[in-house]
Amino acid sequence: MRVLLATGLWAVSTAVLACERNEYGVFEDIACAAEAVENARKEMESVLDNLAARLDPEVREALEKAQAAWSDYREAAVQFVYAQEGGSSGRLVVANDTERAIRARTEELKQWQPQ
């Protein structure tokens, strides 16, 4: 909530600023970045579920192993990035980087969906 001075009286604005990316394509607000990560994760999970449902059990198991390895890699990458940046700016860098990586992984997974 923002407080504005209007004609000598305090007025409260309940307007919520929309989450927007800056000129570099990233969010500058941690809440916006976190929301973007959550949305990206939901989309990736949907694509994974859809793909897994169409695969033979043996191939599905290979997909699950590949996804687990990707997740382990992402966690290690996040730890590295945060160790370099730290603090609130580090959390923002990690969130933006994580969202970008999840979206890239989602696009990779989409390539494997049957047409």
PDB file of N, CA and C in Angstrom:
ATOM      1  N   MET A   1       0.843  -1.170   0.000  1.00  0.00           N
ATOM      2  CA  MET A   1       0.000   0.000   0.000  1.00  0.00           C
ATOM      3  C   MET A   1       0.890   1.235   0.000  1.00  0.00           C
ATOM      4  N   ARG A   2       0.571   2.211  -0.802  1.00  0.00           N
ATOM      5  CA  ARG A   2       1.333   3.454  -0.837  1.00  0.00           C
ATOM      6  C   ARG A   2       0.517   4.555  -0.189  1.00  0.00           C
ATOM      7  N   VAL A   3       1.195   5.479   0.461  1.00  0.00           N
ATOM      8  CA  VAL A   3       0.519   6.635   1.054  1.00  0.00           C
ATOM      9  C   VAL A   3       0.873   7.849   0.209  1.00  0.00           C
ATOM     10  N   LEU A   4      -0.124   8.558  -0.216  1.00  0.00           N
ATOM     11  CA  LEU A   4       0.060   9.728  -1.070  1.00  0.00           C
ATOM     12  C   LEU A   4      -0.429  10.978  -0.360  1.00  0.00           C
ATOM     13  N   LEU A   5       0.207  12.092  -0.648  1.00  0.00           N
ATOM     14  CA  LEU A   5      -0.247  13.368  -0.124  1.00  0.00           C
ATOM     15  C   LEU A   5      -1.110  14.016  -1.199  1.00  0.00           C
ATOM     16  N   ALA A   6      -2.395  14.174  -0.903  1.00  0.00           N
ATOM     17  CA  ALA A   6      -3.320  14.735  -1.889  1.00  0.00           C
ATOM     18  C   ALA A   6      -4.058  15.901  -1.261  1.00  0.00           C
ATOM     19  N   THR A   7      -3.910  17.063  -1.822  1.00  0.00           N
ATOM     20  CA  THR A   7      -4.565  18.295  -1.358  1.00  0.00           C
ATOM     21  C   THR A   7      -4.484  18.469   0.154  1.00  0.00           C
ATOM     22  N   GLY A   8      -3.289  18.219   0.689  1.00  0.00           N
ATOM     23  CA  GLY A   8      -3.095  18.432   2.112  1.00  0.00           C
ATOM     24  C   GLY A   8      -3.597  17.309   2.999  1.00  0.00           C
ATOM     25  N   LEU A   9      -4.235  16.300   2.473  1.00  0.00           N
ATOM     26  CA  LEU A   9      -4.744  15.182   3.263  1.00  0.00           C
ATOM     27  C   LEU A   9      -3.993  13.917   2.860  1.00  0.00           C
ATOM     28  N   TRP A  10      -3.863  12.987   3.823  1.00  0.00           N
ATOM     29  CA  TRP A  10      -3.250  11.708   3.481  1.00  0.00           C
ATOM     30  C   TRP A  10      -4.284  10.818   2.827  1.00  0.00           C
ATOM     31  N   ALA A  11      -3.958  10.315   1.699  1.00  0.00           N
ATOM     32  CA  ALA A  11      -4.847   9.396   0.993  1.00  0.00           C
ATOM     33  C   ALA A  11      -4.104   8.077   0.822  1.00  0.00           C
ATOM     34  N   VAL A  12      -4.810   7.012   0.899  1.00  0.00           N
ATOM     35  CA  VAL A  12      -4.197   5.702   0.765  1.00  0.00           C
ATOM     36  C   VAL A  12      -4.564   5.139  -0.600  1.00  0.00           C
ATOM     37  N   SER A  13      -3.546   4.742  -1.316  1.00  0.00           N
ATOM     38  CA  SER A  13      -3.761   4.131  -2.614  1.00  0.00           C
ATOM     39  C   SER A  13      -3.602   2.632  -2.476  1.00  0.00           C
ATOM     40  N   THR A  14      -4.584   1.895  -2.919  1.00  0.00           N
ATOM     41  CA  THR A  14      -4.505   0.435  -2.865  1.00  0.00           C
ATOM     42  C   THR A  14      -4.096  -0.135  -4.213  1.00  0.00           C
ATOM     43  N   ALA A  15      -3.705   0.760  -5.107  1.00  0.00           N
ATOM     44  CA  ALA A  15      -3.276   0.293  -6.427  1.00  0.00           C
ATOM     45  C   ALA A  15      -2.029  -0.569  -6.271  1.00  0.00           C
ATOM     46  N   VAL A  16      -2.016  -1.678  -6.930  1.00  0.00           N
ATOM     47  CA  VAL A  16      -0.876  -2.575  -6.900  1.00  0.00           C
ATOM     48  C   VAL A  16      -0.130  -2.404  -8.214  1.00  0.00           C
ATOM     49  N   LEU A  17       1.156  -2.173  -8.089  1.00  0.00           N
ATOM     50  CA  LEU A  17       1.957  -2.035  -9.290  1.00  0.00           C
ATOM     51  C   LEU A  17       2.087  -3.392  -9.971  1.00  0.00           C
ATOM     52  N   ALA A  18       1.929  -3.406 -11.267  1.00  0.00           N
ATOM     53  CA  ALA A  18       2.056  -4.651 -12.018  1.00  0.00           C
ATOM     54  C   ALA A  18       3.523  -5.064 -12.077  1.00  0.00           C
ATOM     55  N   CYS A  19       3.748  -6.349 -12.064  1.00  0.00           N
ATOM     56  CA  CYS A  19       5.113  -6.855 -12.193  1.00  0.00           C
ATOM     57  C   CYS A  19       5.550  -6.671 -13.641  1.00  0.00           C
ATOM     58  N   GLU A  20       6.642  -5.985 -13.800  1.00  0.00           N
ATOM     59  CA  GLU A  20       7.180  -5.761 -15.136  1.00  0.00           C
ATOM     60  C   GLU A  20       8.673  -6.045 -15.134  1.00  0.00           C
ATOM     61  N   ARG A  21       9.143  -6.542 -16.251  1.00  0.00           N
ATOM     62  CA  ARG A  21      10.575  -6.786 -16.411  1.00  0.00           C
ATOM     63  C   ARG A  21      11.247  -5.473 -16.805  1.00  0.00           C
ATOM     64  N   ASN A  22      12.503  -5.319 -16.409  1.00  0.00           N
ATOM     65  CA  ASN A  22      13.235  -4.117 -16.798  1.00  0.00           C
ATOM     66  C   ASN A  22      13.793  -4.277 -18.210  1.00  0.00           C
ATOM     67  N   GLU A  23      14.602  -3.336 -18.629  1.00  0.00           N
ATOM     68  CA  GLU A  23      15.127  -3.377 -20.001  1.00  0.00           C
ATOM     69  C   GLU A  23      16.043  -4.570 -20.252  1.00  0.00           C
ATOM     70  N   TYR A  24      16.491  -5.235 -19.190  1.00  0.00           N
ATOM     71  CA  TYR A  24      17.331  -6.427 -19.323  1.00  0.00           C
ATOM     72  C   TYR A  24      16.519  -7.720 -19.274  1.00  0.00           C
ATOM     73  N   GLY A  25      15.220  -7.587 -19.151  1.00  0.00           N
ATOM     74  CA  GLY A  25      14.341  -8.750 -19.156  1.00  0.00           C
ATOM     75  C   GLY A  25      14.209  -9.441 -17.819  1.00  0.00           C
ATOM     76  N   VAL A  26      14.590  -8.759 -16.730  1.00  0.00           N
ATOM     77  CA  VAL A  26      14.496  -9.358 -15.400  1.00  0.00           C
ATOM     78  C   VAL A  26      13.620  -8.499 -14.501  1.00  0.00           C
ATOM     79  N   PHE A  27      13.183  -9.103 -13.408  1.00  0.00           N
ATOM     80  CA  PHE A  27      12.386  -8.387 -12.423  1.00  0.00           C
ATOM     81  C   PHE A  27      13.308  -7.710 -11.421  1.00  0.00           C
ATOM     82  N   GLU A  28      12.936  -6.528 -10.979  1.00  0.00           N
ATOM     83  CA  GLU A  28      13.702  -5.815  -9.956  1.00  0.00           C
ATOM     84  C   GLU A  28      13.061  -5.965  -8.578  1.00  0.00           C
ATOM     85  N   ASP A  29      11.890  -6.562  -8.535  1.00  0.00           N
ATOM     86  CA  ASP A  29      11.164  -6.765  -7.287  1.00  0.00           C
ATOM     87  C   ASP A  29      11.176  -8.256  -6.967  1.00  0.00           C
ATOM     88  N   ILE A  30      11.597  -8.606  -5.747  1.00  0.00           N
ATOM     89  CA  ILE A  30      11.731 -10.015  -5.374  1.00  0.00           C
ATOM     90  C   ILE A  30      10.390 -10.740  -5.382  1.00  0.00           C
ATOM     91  N   ALA A  31       9.321 -10.052  -4.994  1.00  0.00           N
ATOM     92  CA  ALA A  31       8.001 -10.699  -5.002  1.00  0.00           C
ATOM     93  C   ALA A  31       7.587 -11.038  -6.431  1.00  0.00           C
ATOM     94  N   CYS A  32       7.862 -10.140  -7.350  1.00  0.00           N
ATOM     95  CA  CYS A  32       7.536 -10.400  -8.757  1.00  0.00           C
ATOM     96  C   CYS A  32       8.377 -11.546  -9.302  1.00  0.00           C
ATOM     97  N   ALA A  33       9.663 -11.555  -8.961  1.00  0.00           N
ATOM     98  CA  ALA A  33      10.544 -12.623  -9.419  1.00  0.00           C
ATOM     99  C   ALA A  33      10.114 -13.968  -8.846  1.00  0.00           C
ATOM    100  N   ALA A  34       9.748 -13.985  -7.572  1.00  0.00           N
ATOM    101  CA  ALA A  34       9.299 -15.229  -6.942  1.00  0.00           C
ATOM    102  C   ALA A  34       8.014 -15.739  -7.583  1.00  0.00           C
ATOM    103  N   GLU A  35       7.113 -14.838  -7.901  1.00  0.00           N
ATOM    104  CA  GLU A  35       5.867 -15.220  -8.575  1.00  0.00           C
ATOM    105  C   GLU A  35       6.166 -15.791  -9.959  1.00  0.00           C
ATOM    106  N   ALA A  36       7.111 -15.191 -10.658  1.00  0.00           N
ATOM    107  CA  ALA A  36       7.488 -15.679 -11.982  1.00  0.00           C
ATOM    108  C   ALA A  36       8.096 -17.078 -11.889  1.00  0.00           C
ATOM    109  N   VAL A  37       8.905 -17.318 -10.862  1.00  0.00           N
ATOM    110  CA  VAL A  37       9.490 -18.648 -10.658  1.00  0.00           C
ATOM    111  C   VAL A  37       8.388 -19.669 -10.412  1.00  0.00           C
ATOM    112  N   GLU A  38       7.441 -19.326  -9.559  1.00  0.00           N
ATOM    113  CA  GLU A  38       6.343 -20.244  -9.259  1.00  0.00           C
ATOM    114  C   GLU A  38       5.519 -20.552 -10.512  1.00  0.00           C
ATOM    115  N   ASN A  39       5.239 -19.539 -11.297  1.00  0.00           N
ATOM    116  CA  ASN A  39       4.486 -19.751 -12.540  1.00  0.00           C
ATOM    117  C   ASN A  39       5.272 -20.618 -13.520  1.00  0.00           C
ATOM    118  N   ALA A  40       6.564 -20.388 -13.608  1.00  0.00           N
ATOM    119  CA  ALA A  40       7.403 -21.194 -14.497  1.00  0.00           C
ATOM    120  C   ALA A  40       7.430 -22.644 -14.035  1.00  0.00           C
ATOM    121  N   ARG A  41       7.538 -22.854 -12.727  1.00  0.00           N
ATOM    122  CA  ARG A  41       7.542 -24.222 -12.187  1.00  0.00           C
ATOM    123  C   ARG A  41       6.230 -24.942 -12.484  1.00  0.00           C
ATOM    124  N   LYS A  42       5.132 -24.242 -12.313  1.00  0.00           N
ATOM    125  CA  LYS A  42       3.830 -24.862 -12.592  1.00  0.00           C
ATOM    126  C   LYS A  42       3.726 -25.261 -14.053  1.00  0.00           C
ATOM    127  N   GLU A  43       4.196 -24.395 -14.943  1.00  0.00           N
ATOM    128  CA  GLU A  43       4.145 -24.725 -16.372  1.00  0.00           C
ATOM    129  C   GLU A  43       5.033 -25.928 -16.664  1.00  0.00           C
ATOM    130  N   MET A  44       6.241 -25.961 -16.098  1.00  0.00           N
ATOM    131  CA  MET A  44       7.139 -27.080 -16.348  1.00  0.00           C
ATOM    132  C   MET A  44       6.544 -28.377 -15.816  1.00  0.00           C
ATOM    133  N   GLU A  45       5.959 -28.343 -14.633  1.00  0.00           N
ATOM    134  CA  GLU A  45       5.333 -29.541 -14.070  1.00  0.00           C
ATOM    135  C   GLU A  45       4.196 -30.038 -14.949  1.00  0.00           C
ATOM    136  N   SER A  46       3.431 -29.116 -15.505  1.00  0.00           N
ATOM    137  CA  SER A  46       2.347 -29.500 -16.404  1.00  0.00           C
ATOM    138  C   SER A  46       2.888 -30.180 -17.658  1.00  0.00           C
ATOM    139  N   VAL A  47       3.935 -29.600 -18.225  1.00  0.00           N
ATOM    140  CA  VAL A  47       4.553 -30.190 -19.416  1.00  0.00           C
ATOM    141  C   VAL A  47       5.137 -31.562 -19.074  1.00  0.00           C
ATOM    142  N   LEU A  48       5.805 -31.668 -17.926  1.00  0.00           N
ATOM    143  CA  LEU A  48       6.359 -32.960 -17.497  1.00  0.00           C
ATOM    144  C   LEU A  48       5.273 -34.007 -17.320  1.00  0.00           C
ATOM    145  N   ASP A  49       4.200 -33.639 -16.644  1.00  0.00           N
ATOM    146  CA  ASP A  49       3.093 -34.578 -16.430  1.00  0.00           C
ATOM    147  C   ASP A  49       2.502 -35.044 -17.752  1.00  0.00           C
ATOM    148  N   ASN A  50       2.296 -34.117 -18.655  1.00  0.00           N
ATOM    149  CA  ASN A  50       1.735 -34.428 -19.963  1.00  0.00           C
ATOM    150  C   ASN A  50       2.666 -35.360 -20.739  1.00  0.00           C
ATOM    151  N   LEU A  51       3.949 -35.049 -20.708  1.00  0.00           N
ATOM    152  CA  LEU A  51       4.928 -35.877 -21.413  1.00  0.00           C
ATOM    153  C   LEU A  51       5.015 -37.268 -20.794  1.00  0.00           C
ATOM    154  N   ALA A  52       5.131 -37.339 -19.474  1.00  0.00           N
ATOM    155  CA  ALA A  52       5.279 -38.623 -18.781  1.00  0.00           C
ATOM    156  C   ALA A  52       4.081 -39.533 -19.025  1.00  0.00           C
ATOM    157  N   ALA A  53       2.906 -38.949 -19.107  1.00  0.00           N
ATOM    158  CA  ALA A  53       1.686 -39.736 -19.312  1.00  0.00           C
ATOM    159  C   ALA A  53       1.671 -40.421 -20.676  1.00  0.00           C
ATOM    160  N   ARG A  54       2.442 -39.906 -21.603  1.00  0.00           N
ATOM    161  CA  ARG A  54       2.437 -40.453 -22.962  1.00  0.00           C
ATOM    162  C   ARG A  54       3.602 -41.395 -23.239  1.00  0.00           C
ATOM    163  N   LEU A  55       4.457 -41.592 -22.249  1.00  0.00           N
ATOM    164  CA  LEU A  55       5.653 -42.402 -22.462  1.00  0.00           C
ATOM    165  C   LEU A  55       5.483 -43.815 -21.923  1.00  0.00           C
ATOM    166  N   ASP A  56       6.207 -44.739 -22.539  1.00  0.00           N
ATOM    167  CA  ASP A  56       6.288 -46.099 -22.011  1.00  0.00           C
ATOM    168  C   ASP A  56       7.006 -46.037 -20.664  1.00  0.00           C
ATOM    169  N   PRO A  57       6.727 -46.985 -19.776  1.00  0.00           N
ATOM    170  CA  PRO A  57       7.336 -46.960 -18.429  1.00  0.00           C
ATOM    171  C   PRO A  57       8.860 -46.841 -18.434  1.00  0.00           C
ATOM    172  N   GLU A  58       9.525 -47.555 -19.328  1.00  0.00           N
ATOM    173  CA  GLU A  58      10.986 -47.517 -19.378  1.00  0.00           C
ATOM    174  C   GLU A  58      11.486 -46.119 -19.766  1.00  0.00           C
ATOM    175  N   VAL A  59      10.835 -45.522 -20.729  1.00  0.00           N
ATOM    176  CA  VAL A  59      11.215 -44.178 -21.182  1.00  0.00           C
ATOM    177  C   VAL A  59      10.857 -43.151 -20.115  1.00  0.00           C
ATOM    178  N   ARG A  60       9.729 -43.347 -19.448  1.00  0.00           N
ATOM    179  CA  ARG A  60       9.315 -42.440 -18.368  1.00  0.00           C
ATOM    180  C   ARG A  60      10.357 -42.438 -17.257  1.00  0.00           C
ATOM    181  N   GLU A  61      10.879 -43.622 -16.937  1.00  0.00           N
ATOM    182  CA  GLU A  61      11.908 -43.714 -15.897  1.00  0.00           C
ATOM    183  C   GLU A  61      13.165 -42.932 -16.305  1.00  0.00           C
ATOM    184  N   ALA A  62      13.529 -43.013 -17.564  1.00  0.00           N
ATOM    185  CA  ALA A  62      14.686 -42.258 -18.059  1.00  0.00           C
ATOM    186  C   ALA A  62      14.427 -40.754 -17.956  1.00  0.00           C
ATOM    187  N   LEU A  63      13.202 -40.337 -18.269  1.00  0.00           N
ATOM    188  CA  LEU A  63      12.836 -38.927 -18.138  1.00  0.00           C
ATOM    189  C   LEU A  63      12.944 -38.480 -16.681  1.00  0.00           C
ATOM    190  N   GLU A  64      12.450 -39.300 -15.767  1.00  0.00           N
ATOM    191  CA  GLU A  64      12.500 -38.961 -14.339  1.00  0.00           C
ATOM    192  C   GLU A  64      13.938 -38.818 -13.859  1.00  0.00           C
ATOM    193  N   LYS A  65      14.841 -39.705 -14.322  1.00  0.00           N
ATOM    194  CA  LYS A  65      16.260 -39.602 -13.952  1.00  0.00           C
ATOM    195  C   LYS A  65      16.875 -38.327 -14.531  1.00  0.00           C
ATOM    196  N   ALA A  66      16.543 -38.032 -15.771  1.00  0.00           N
ATOM    197  CA  ALA A  66      17.077 -36.826 -16.402  1.00  0.00           C
ATOM    198  C   ALA A  66      16.586 -35.570 -15.681  1.00  0.00           C
ATOM    199  N   GLN A  67      15.314 -35.564 -15.298  1.00  0.00           N
ATOM    200  CA  GLN A  67      14.759 -34.403 -14.606  1.00  0.00           C
ATOM    201  C   GLN A  67      15.382 -34.251 -13.220  1.00  0.00           C
ATOM    202  N   ALA A  68      15.614 -35.357 -12.539  1.00  0.00           N
ATOM    203  CA  ALA A  68      16.254 -35.307 -11.223  1.00  0.00           C
ATOM    204  C   ALA A  68      17.678 -34.758 -11.345  1.00  0.00           C
ATOM    205  N   ALA A  69      18.403 -35.187 -12.372  1.00  0.00           N
ATOM    206  CA  ALA A  69      19.763 -34.679 -12.587  1.00  0.00           C
ATOM    207  C   ALA A  69      19.728 -33.186 -12.907  1.00  0.00           C
ATOM    208  N   TRP A  70      18.757 -32.765 -13.706  1.00  0.00           N
ATOM    209  CA  TRP A  70      18.620 -31.340 -14.020  1.00  0.00           C
ATOM    210  C   TRP A  70      18.335 -30.549 -12.745  1.00  0.00           C
ATOM    211  N   SER A  71      17.451 -31.072 -11.908  1.00  0.00           N
ATOM    212  CA  SER A  71      17.106 -30.393 -10.654  1.00  0.00           C
ATOM    213  C   SER A  71      18.323 -30.284  -9.729  1.00  0.00           C
ATOM    214  N   ASP A  72      19.116 -31.345  -9.655  1.00  0.00           N
ATOM    215  CA  ASP A  72      20.334 -31.307  -8.838  1.00  0.00           C
ATOM    216  C   ASP A  72      21.300 -30.248  -9.372  1.00  0.00           C
ATOM    217  N   TYR A  73      21.456 -30.197 -10.684  1.00  0.00           N
ATOM    218  CA  TYR A  73      22.322 -29.193 -11.297  1.00  0.00           C
ATOM    219  C   TYR A  73      21.830 -27.786 -10.970  1.00  0.00           C
ATOM    220  N   ARG A  74      20.536 -27.557 -11.107  1.00  0.00           N
ATOM    221  CA  ARG A  74      19.982 -26.220 -10.830  1.00  0.00           C
ATOM    222  C   ARG A  74      20.203 -25.824  -9.381  1.00  0.00           C
ATOM    223  N   GLU A  75      20.034 -26.759  -8.463  1.00  0.00           N
ATOM    224  CA  GLU A  75      20.246 -26.450  -7.050  1.00  0.00           C
ATOM    225  C   GLU A  75      21.703 -26.068  -6.800  1.00  0.00           C
ATOM    226  N   ALA A  76      22.627 -26.799  -7.392  1.00  0.00           N
ATOM    227  CA  ALA A  76      24.047 -26.473  -7.238  1.00  0.00           C
ATOM    228  C   ALA A  76      24.356 -25.109  -7.852  1.00  0.00           C
ATOM    229  N   ALA A  77      23.762 -24.820  -9.006  1.00  0.00           N
ATOM    230  CA  ALA A  77      23.977 -23.528  -9.661  1.00  0.00           C
ATOM    231  C   ALA A  77      23.444 -22.392  -8.811  1.00  0.00           C
ATOM    232  N   VAL A  78      22.286 -22.584  -8.200  1.00  0.00           N
ATOM    233  CA  VAL A  78      21.688 -21.573  -7.319  1.00  0.00           C
ATOM    234  C   VAL A  78      22.614 -21.313  -6.127  1.00  0.00           C
ATOM    235  N   GLN A  79      23.133 -22.362  -5.537  1.00  0.00           N
ATOM    236  CA  GLN A  79      24.038 -22.196  -4.398  1.00  0.00           C
ATOM    237  C   GLN A  79      25.289 -21.421  -4.794  1.00  0.00           C
ATOM    238  N   PHE A  80      25.812 -21.702  -5.978  1.00  0.00           N
ATOM    239  CA  PHE A  80      26.981 -20.978  -6.468  1.00  0.00           C
ATOM    240  C   PHE A  80      26.671 -19.503  -6.682  1.00  0.00           C
ATOM    241  N   VAL A  81      25.576 -19.215  -7.371  1.00  0.00           N
ATOM    242  CA  VAL A  81      25.203 -17.828  -7.644  1.00  0.00           C
ATOM    243  C   VAL A  81      24.981 -17.074  -6.345  1.00  0.00           C
ATOM    244  N   TYR A  82      24.275 -17.681  -5.407  1.00  0.00           N
ATOM    245  CA  TYR A  82      23.996 -16.994  -4.150  1.00  0.00           C
ATOM    246  C   TYR A  82      25.286 -16.768  -3.363  1.00  0.00           C
ATOM    247  N   ALA A  83      26.216 -17.711  -3.431  1.00  0.00           N
ATOM    248  CA  ALA A  83      27.490 -17.536  -2.738  1.00  0.00           C
ATOM    249  C   ALA A  83      28.255 -16.342  -3.306  1.00  0.00           C
ATOM    250  N   GLN A  84      28.083 -16.082  -4.592  1.00  0.00           N
ATOM    251  CA  GLN A  84      28.755 -14.956  -5.237  1.00  0.00           C
ATOM    252  C   GLN A  84      28.086 -13.628  -4.912  1.00  0.00           C
ATOM    253  N   GLU A  85      26.770 -13.613  -4.878  1.00  0.00           N
ATOM    254  CA  GLU A  85      26.009 -12.375  -4.731  1.00  0.00           C
ATOM    255  C   GLU A  85      25.597 -12.099  -3.287  1.00  0.00           C
ATOM    256  N   GLY A  86      24.979 -13.085  -2.638  1.00  0.00           N
ATOM    257  CA  GLY A  86      24.525 -12.952  -1.254  1.00  0.00           C
ATOM    258  C   GLY A  86      23.452 -11.896  -1.052  1.00  0.00           C
ATOM    259  N   GLY A  87      22.886 -11.897   0.138  1.00  0.00           N
ATOM    260  CA  GLY A  87      21.908 -10.893   0.538  1.00  0.00           C
ATOM    261  C   GLY A  87      20.673 -10.822  -0.331  1.00  0.00           C
ATOM    262  N   SER A  88      19.973  -9.696  -0.213  1.00  0.00           N
ATOM    263  CA  SER A  88      18.722  -9.536  -0.965  1.00  0.00           C
ATOM    264  C   SER A  88      18.985  -9.435  -2.454  1.00  0.00           C
ATOM    265  N   SER A  89      20.076  -8.822  -2.862  1.00  0.00           N
ATOM    266  CA  SER A  89      20.363  -8.753  -4.300  1.00  0.00           C
ATOM    267  C   SER A  89      20.669 -10.145  -4.834  1.00  0.00           C
ATOM    268  N   GLY A  90      21.295 -10.986  -4.017  1.00  0.00           N
ATOM    269  CA  GLY A  90      21.561 -12.363  -4.427  1.00  0.00           C
ATOM    270  C   GLY A  90      20.292 -13.157  -4.617  1.00  0.00           C
ATOM    271  N   ARG A  91      19.326 -12.954  -3.715  1.00  0.00           N
ATOM    272  CA  ARG A  91      18.034 -13.653  -3.855  1.00  0.00           C
ATOM    273  C   ARG A  91      17.344 -13.234  -5.149  1.00  0.00           C
ATOM    274  N   LEU A  92      17.447 -11.974  -5.499  1.00  0.00           N
ATOM    275  CA  LEU A  92      16.823 -11.487  -6.726  1.00  0.00           C
ATOM    276  C   LEU A  92      17.518 -12.067  -7.956  1.00  0.00           C
ATOM    277  N   VAL A  93      18.837 -12.100  -7.926  1.00  0.00           N
ATOM    278  CA  VAL A  93      19.595 -12.686  -9.041  1.00  0.00           C
ATOM    279  C   VAL A  93      19.238 -14.159  -9.187  1.00  0.00           C
ATOM    280  N   VAL A  94      19.209 -14.868  -8.068  1.00  0.00           N
ATOM    281  CA  VAL A  94      18.878 -16.298  -8.086  1.00  0.00           C
ATOM    282  C   VAL A  94      17.473 -16.524  -8.631  1.00  0.00           C
ATOM    283  N   ALA A  95      16.512 -15.724  -8.189  1.00  0.00           N
ATOM    284  CA  ALA A  95      15.129 -15.897  -8.650  1.00  0.00           C
ATOM    285  C   ALA A  95      15.029 -15.660 -10.153  1.00  0.00           C
ATOM    286  N   ASN A  96      15.624 -14.593 -10.648  1.00  0.00           N
ATOM    287  CA  ASN A  96      15.573 -14.315 -12.085  1.00  0.00           C
ATOM    288  C   ASN A  96      16.286 -15.397 -12.889  1.00  0.00           C
ATOM    289  N   ASP A  97      17.439 -15.854 -12.397  1.00  0.00           N
ATOM    290  CA  ASP A  97      18.187 -16.908 -13.073  1.00  0.00           C
ATOM    291  C   ASP A  97      17.410 -18.222 -13.063  1.00  0.00           C
ATOM    292  N   THR A  98      16.790 -18.518 -11.944  1.00  0.00           N
ATOM    293  CA  THR A  98      16.010 -19.754 -11.821  1.00  0.00           C
ATOM    294  C   THR A  98      14.823 -19.740 -12.772  1.00  0.00           C
ATOM    295  N   GLU A  99      14.121 -18.628 -12.833  1.00  0.00           N
ATOM    296  CA  GLU A  99      12.974 -18.543 -13.745  1.00  0.00           C
ATOM    297  C   GLU A  99      13.418 -18.759 -15.190  1.00  0.00           C
ATOM    298  N   ARG A 100      14.511 -18.123 -15.564  1.00  0.00           N
ATOM    299  CA  ARG A 100      15.020 -18.251 -16.936  1.00  0.00           C
ATOM    300  C   ARG A 100      15.389 -19.708 -17.230  1.00  0.00           C
ATOM    301  N   ALA A 101      16.043 -20.382 -16.272  1.00  0.00           N
ATOM    302  CA  ALA A 101      16.447 -21.775 -16.470  1.00  0.00           C
ATOM    303  C   ALA A 101      15.243 -22.706 -16.557  1.00  0.00           C
ATOM    304  N   ILE A 102      14.248 -22.479 -15.719  1.00  0.00           N
ATOM    305  CA  ILE A 102      13.045 -23.319 -15.748  1.00  0.00           C
ATOM    306  C   ILE A 102      12.329 -23.160 -17.083  1.00  0.00           C
ATOM    307  N   ARG A 103      12.220 -21.938 -17.553  1.00  0.00           N
ATOM    308  CA  ARG A 103      11.554 -21.718 -18.848  1.00  0.00           C
ATOM    309  C   ARG A 103      12.331 -22.378 -19.987  1.00  0.00           C
ATOM    310  N   ALA A 104      13.657 -22.332 -19.927  1.00  0.00           N
ATOM    311  CA  ALA A 104      14.468 -22.993 -20.955  1.00  0.00           C
ATOM    312  C   ALA A 104      14.273 -24.507 -20.888  1.00  0.00           C
ATOM    313  N   ARG A 105      14.252 -25.062 -19.690  1.00  0.00           N
ATOM    314  CA  ARG A 105      14.036 -26.509 -19.525  1.00  0.00           C
ATOM    315  C   ARG A 105      12.652 -26.905 -20.035  1.00  0.00           C
ATOM    316  N   THR A 106      11.667 -26.073 -19.768  1.00  0.00           N
ATOM    317  CA  THR A 106      10.311 -26.342 -20.240  1.00  0.00           C
ATOM    318  C   THR A 106      10.280 -26.423 -21.762  1.00  0.00           C
ATOM    319  N   GLU A 107      10.975 -25.512 -22.416  1.00  0.00           N
ATOM    320  CA  GLU A 107      11.024 -25.531 -23.884  1.00  0.00           C
ATOM    321  C   GLU A 107      11.713 -26.802 -24.385  1.00  0.00           C
ATOM    322  N   GLU A 108      12.759 -27.246 -23.689  1.00  0.00           N
ATOM    323  CA  GLU A 108      13.413 -28.511 -24.052  1.00  0.00           C
ATOM    324  C   GLU A 108      12.440 -29.676 -23.943  1.00  0.00           C
ATOM    325  N   LEU A 109      11.699 -29.706 -22.839  1.00  0.00           N
ATOM    326  CA  LEU A 109      10.752 -30.799 -22.620  1.00  0.00           C
ATOM    327  C   LEU A 109       9.631 -30.793 -23.673  1.00  0.00           C
ATOM    328  N   LYS A 110       9.208 -29.621 -24.072  1.00  0.00           N
ATOM    329  CA  LYS A 110       8.150 -29.516 -25.088  1.00  0.00           C
ATOM    330  C   LYS A 110       8.580 -30.155 -26.411  1.00  0.00           C
ATOM    331  N   GLN A 111       9.861 -30.120 -26.698  1.00  0.00           N
ATOM    332  CA  GLN A 111      10.352 -30.711 -27.938  1.00  0.00           C
ATOM    333  C   GLN A 111      10.141 -32.214 -27.976  1.00  0.00           C
ATOM    334  N   TRP A 112      10.002 -32.846 -26.826  1.00  0.00           N
ATOM    335  CA  TRP A 112       9.847 -34.287 -26.735  1.00  0.00           C
ATOM    336  C   TRP A 112       8.385 -34.733 -26.727  1.00  0.00           C
ATOM    337  N   GLN A 113       7.490 -33.776 -26.679  1.00  0.00           N
ATOM    338  CA  GLN A 113       6.070 -34.156 -26.681  1.00  0.00           C
ATOM    339  C   GLN A 113       5.669 -34.658 -28.057  1.00  0.00           C
ATOM    340  N   PRO A 114       4.901 -35.739 -28.070  1.00  0.00           N
ATOM    341  CA  PRO A 114       4.434 -36.269 -29.357  1.00  0.00           C
ATOM    342  C   PRO A 114       3.539 -35.239 -30.053  1.00  0.00           C
ATOM    343  N   GLN A 115       3.660 -35.199 -31.334  1.00  0.00           N
ATOM    344  CA  GLN A 115       2.849 -34.260 -32.114  1.00  0.00           C
ATOM    345  C   GLN A 115       1.477 -34.796 -32.395  1.00  0.00           C
TER     346      GLN A 115
END
